[in-house]
Amino acid sequence: MKSFWALTGLALALSACGGRVALKPETGKSLPPKPETASAVPTPDQLLVPDIQSRPKRSDEQLKRSEERQNDKFDLPPSH
């Protein structure tokens, strides 16, 4: 019975971690300055969305044919 209450308490504690509060800068601090190429200062929600370069597309292309690796003169065995 103790484990039931412990798990219930843990579940309640973890469910409280996901609060949905609007983001805003700390008191006395401001948002980052406007990027040079932007027309307006981005909102906190816009700053949280990664740009395309931050999340590249996945390449699912499989190897179509086997190729010999070229000789690499820097591929040396480890030194003792």
Protein backbone atom coordinates (compact mmCIF):
# COMPACT_ATOMS: atom_id res chain seq x y z
CA MET A 1 0.00 0.00 0.00
CA LYS A 2 2.93 2.32 0.70
CA SER A 3 4.24 1.85 -2.83
CA PHE A 4 0.82 2.82 -4.22
CA TRP A 5 0.87 6.11 -2.31
CA ALA A 6 4.50 6.72 -3.23
CA LEU A 7 3.75 6.21 -6.94
CA THR A 8 0.65 8.39 -6.70
CA GLY A 9 2.65 11.15 -5.02
CA LEU A 10 5.39 10.87 -7.62
CA ALA A 11 2.86 11.04 -10.46
CA LEU A 12 1.25 14.15 -8.96
CA ALA A 13 4.64 15.81 -8.49
CA LEU A 14 5.65 15.09 -12.08
CA SER A 15 2.34 16.29 -13.49
CA ALA A 16 2.89 19.68 -11.85
CA CYS A 17 6.16 20.15 -13.76
CA GLY A 18 4.49 20.84 -17.10
CA GLY A 19 3.00 24.25 -16.36
CA ARG A 20 1.69 26.30 -19.30
CA VAL A 21 2.58 29.89 -18.51
CA ALA A 22 3.24 32.59 -21.10
CA LEU A 23 6.97 33.29 -21.38
CA LYS A 24 8.21 36.76 -20.58
CA PRO A 25 11.62 38.23 -19.71
CA GLU A 26 12.71 38.38 -16.08
CA THR A 27 12.02 41.62 -14.27
CA GLY A 28 14.66 44.20 -15.10
CA LYS A 29 15.78 42.33 -18.24
CA SER A 30 14.68 42.69 -21.84
CA LEU A 31 14.38 40.44 -24.86
CA PRO A 32 17.40 40.04 -27.12
CA PRO A 33 17.87 42.88 -29.61
CA LYS A 34 16.13 42.76 -32.97
CA PRO A 35 18.10 40.81 -35.59
CA GLU A 36 19.52 43.02 -38.30
CA THR A 37 17.47 41.49 -41.10
CA ALA A 38 14.20 41.16 -39.14
CA SER A 39 11.40 43.68 -39.54
CA ALA A 40 10.30 43.41 -35.88
CA VAL A 41 11.54 42.10 -32.54
CA PRO A 42 10.62 38.40 -32.30
CA THR A 43 8.34 37.30 -29.47
CA PRO A 44 9.49 34.66 -26.95
CA ASP A 45 7.36 32.03 -28.73
CA GLN A 46 9.00 32.86 -32.05
CA LEU A 47 12.46 32.59 -30.47
CA LEU A 48 11.66 29.05 -29.29
CA VAL A 49 10.87 27.75 -32.79
CA PRO A 50 14.08 26.42 -34.39
CA ASP A 51 14.93 27.60 -37.87
CA ILE A 52 15.43 25.27 -40.83
CA GLN A 53 19.21 25.03 -40.34
CA SER A 54 18.73 23.96 -36.72
CA ARG A 55 16.61 20.97 -37.73
CA PRO A 56 17.86 19.56 -41.02
CA LYS A 57 15.83 17.01 -42.93
CA ARG A 58 16.66 13.38 -42.47
CA SER A 59 18.41 11.64 -45.32
CA ASP A 60 16.86 8.22 -45.88
CA GLU A 61 18.82 7.45 -49.03
CA GLN A 62 20.37 4.06 -48.72
CA LEU A 63 23.59 2.97 -50.28
CA LYS A 64 22.80 2.04 -53.87
CA ARG A 65 26.12 0.46 -54.77
CA SER A 66 29.26 -0.54 -52.98
CA GLU A 67 32.26 1.73 -53.47
CA GLU A 68 35.88 1.29 -52.49
CA ARG A 69 37.13 3.83 -50.00
CA GLN A 70 39.89 6.09 -51.22
CA ASN A 71 43.26 5.84 -49.54
CA ASP A 72 43.53 8.23 -46.59
CA LYS A 73 47.13 9.09 -45.68
CA PHE A 74 45.98 10.44 -42.29
CA ASP A 75 44.25 7.19 -41.27
CA LEU A 76 47.10 5.91 -39.11
CA PRO A 77 47.07 3.21 -36.44
CA PRO A 78 47.04 4.45 -32.83
CA SER A 79 50.43 5.13 -31.28
CA HIS A 80 51.59 3.15 -28.25
